[in-house]
Amino acid sequence: MIRNLLMLLVTVVVVTAVAELLGAINFGTALTFGQIGFAAVLVWILLRRP
């Protein structure tokens, strides 16, 4: 469980940073991409559960 939570946190941080580096208009826009990444990883985690 801790691994999954850490994976979600790292995803938000990394995707937000990448969006910011690629020229997001502002930090809010970069965080939006972070949320999209979070949702994608969360769905992946939930689907791979037995």
N, C-alpha and C. Protein backbone atom coordinates (compact mmCIF):
# COMPACT_ATOMS: atom_id res chain seq x y z
N MET A 1 0.82 -1.19 0.00
CA MET A 1 0.00 0.00 0.00
C MET A 1 0.87 1.27 0.00
N ILE A 2 1.92 1.25 0.80
CA ILE A 2 2.82 2.41 0.85
C ILE A 2 3.45 2.63 -0.52
N ARG A 3 3.79 1.52 -1.19
CA ARG A 3 4.39 1.63 -2.52
C ARG A 3 3.43 2.30 -3.50
N ASN A 4 2.16 1.96 -3.43
CA ASN A 4 1.16 2.56 -4.32
C ASN A 4 1.00 4.05 -4.04
N LEU A 5 0.96 4.42 -2.77
CA LEU A 5 0.83 5.83 -2.41
C LEU A 5 2.05 6.63 -2.86
N LEU A 6 3.22 6.04 -2.69
CA LEU A 6 4.44 6.70 -3.13
C LEU A 6 4.45 6.86 -4.65
N MET A 7 3.98 5.83 -5.35
CA MET A 7 3.91 5.91 -6.81
C MET A 7 2.97 7.03 -7.26
N LEU A 8 1.85 7.20 -6.58
CA LEU A 8 0.91 8.27 -6.92
C LEU A 8 1.53 9.65 -6.66
N LEU A 9 2.21 9.79 -5.53
CA LEU A 9 2.84 11.07 -5.20
C LEU A 9 3.94 11.42 -6.18
N VAL A 10 4.77 10.45 -6.51
CA VAL A 10 5.86 10.68 -7.46
C VAL A 10 5.30 11.03 -8.83
N THR A 11 4.22 10.39 -9.22
CA THR A 11 3.60 10.69 -10.52
C THR A 11 3.16 12.14 -10.59
N VAL A 12 2.49 12.63 -9.55
CA VAL A 12 2.03 14.02 -9.56
C VAL A 12 3.22 14.97 -9.67
N VAL A 13 4.25 14.72 -8.89
CA VAL A 13 5.41 15.62 -8.88
C VAL A 13 6.13 15.59 -10.23
N VAL A 14 6.36 14.41 -10.76
CA VAL A 14 7.12 14.29 -12.01
C VAL A 14 6.34 14.87 -13.19
N VAL A 15 5.07 14.52 -13.30
CA VAL A 15 4.28 15.02 -14.43
C VAL A 15 4.12 16.54 -14.34
N THR A 16 3.93 17.07 -13.15
CA THR A 16 3.83 18.51 -12.99
C THR A 16 5.14 19.19 -13.39
N ALA A 17 6.26 18.63 -12.95
CA ALA A 17 7.57 19.21 -13.29
C ALA A 17 7.82 19.15 -14.79
N VAL A 18 7.47 18.05 -15.42
CA VAL A 18 7.68 17.92 -16.86
C VAL A 18 6.80 18.92 -17.61
N ALA A 19 5.56 19.07 -17.19
CA ALA A 19 4.67 20.03 -17.84
C ALA A 19 5.21 21.45 -17.68
N GLU A 20 5.74 21.75 -16.51
CA GLU A 20 6.30 23.08 -16.28
C GLU A 20 7.54 23.31 -17.16
N LEU A 21 8.37 22.30 -17.26
CA LEU A 21 9.58 22.42 -18.09
C LEU A 21 9.26 22.52 -19.57
N LEU A 22 8.17 21.90 -19.99
CA LEU A 22 7.78 21.94 -21.40
C LEU A 22 7.01 23.20 -21.76
N GLY A 23 6.81 24.09 -20.79
CA GLY A 23 6.25 25.38 -21.11
C GLY A 23 4.78 25.56 -20.79
N ALA A 24 4.32 24.98 -19.72
CA ALA A 24 2.94 25.21 -19.31
C ALA A 24 2.76 26.70 -19.02
N ILE A 25 1.59 27.23 -19.33
CA ILE A 25 1.34 28.66 -19.21
C ILE A 25 1.56 29.16 -17.78
N ASN A 26 1.06 28.39 -16.82
CA ASN A 26 1.27 28.74 -15.41
C ASN A 26 1.30 27.46 -14.58
N PHE A 27 1.51 27.60 -13.29
CA PHE A 27 1.65 26.44 -12.42
C PHE A 27 0.34 25.67 -12.29
N GLY A 28 -0.78 26.37 -12.36
CA GLY A 28 -2.09 25.70 -12.29
C GLY A 28 -2.30 24.76 -13.46
N THR A 29 -1.86 25.17 -14.63
CA THR A 29 -1.96 24.30 -15.81
C THR A 29 -1.07 23.08 -15.64
N ALA A 30 0.13 23.28 -15.12
CA ALA A 30 1.03 22.16 -14.88
C ALA A 30 0.44 21.19 -13.87
N LEU A 31 -0.19 21.72 -12.81
CA LEU A 31 -0.83 20.85 -11.83
C LEU A 31 -2.00 20.07 -12.42
N THR A 32 -2.69 20.65 -13.39
CA THR A 32 -3.76 19.94 -14.06
C THR A 32 -3.23 18.69 -14.75
N PHE A 33 -2.09 18.82 -15.41
CA PHE A 33 -1.47 17.65 -16.02
C PHE A 33 -1.03 16.65 -14.96
N GLY A 34 -0.59 17.14 -13.82
CA GLY A 34 -0.24 16.25 -12.72
C GLY A 34 -1.44 15.46 -12.23
N GLN A 35 -2.60 16.11 -12.17
CA GLN A 35 -3.82 15.43 -11.76
C GLN A 35 -4.24 14.38 -12.78
N ILE A 36 -4.06 14.68 -14.05
CA ILE A 36 -4.39 13.71 -15.09
C ILE A 36 -3.48 12.48 -14.96
N GLY A 37 -2.20 12.71 -14.71
CA GLY A 37 -1.28 11.61 -14.49
C GLY A 37 -1.64 10.80 -13.25
N PHE A 38 -2.03 11.50 -12.18
CA PHE A 38 -2.47 10.84 -10.95
C PHE A 38 -3.66 9.93 -11.23
N ALA A 39 -4.65 10.44 -11.96
CA ALA A 39 -5.84 9.65 -12.26
C ALA A 39 -5.49 8.42 -13.10
N ALA A 40 -4.60 8.59 -14.06
CA ALA A 40 -4.21 7.47 -14.92
C ALA A 40 -3.51 6.37 -14.11
N VAL A 41 -2.60 6.77 -13.22
CA VAL A 41 -1.90 5.78 -12.41
C VAL A 41 -2.84 5.15 -11.40
N LEU A 42 -3.76 5.91 -10.85
CA LEU A 42 -4.73 5.35 -9.91
C LEU A 42 -5.60 4.29 -10.59
N VAL A 43 -6.06 4.56 -11.79
CA VAL A 43 -6.85 3.58 -12.53
C VAL A 43 -6.01 2.33 -12.78
N TRP A 44 -4.75 2.52 -13.16
CA TRP A 44 -3.87 1.39 -13.41
C TRP A 44 -3.68 0.54 -12.14
N ILE A 45 -3.49 1.21 -11.00
CA ILE A 45 -3.33 0.50 -9.72
C ILE A 45 -4.60 -0.28 -9.39
N LEU A 46 -5.75 0.34 -9.56
CA LEU A 46 -7.00 -0.32 -9.22
C LEU A 46 -7.31 -1.50 -10.14
N LEU A 47 -6.94 -1.39 -11.41
CA LEU A 47 -7.22 -2.47 -12.36
C LEU A 47 -6.30 -3.67 -12.17
N ARG A 48 -5.11 -3.46 -11.65
CA ARG A 48 -4.20 -4.60 -11.50
C ARG A 48 -4.36 -5.31 -10.16
N ARG A 49 -5.27 -4.85 -9.33
CA ARG A 49 -5.53 -5.52 -8.06
C ARG A 49 -6.23 -6.86 -8.33
N PRO A 50 -5.89 -7.88 -7.54
CA PRO A 50 -6.51 -9.21 -7.76
C PRO A 50 -7.97 -9.25 -7.39
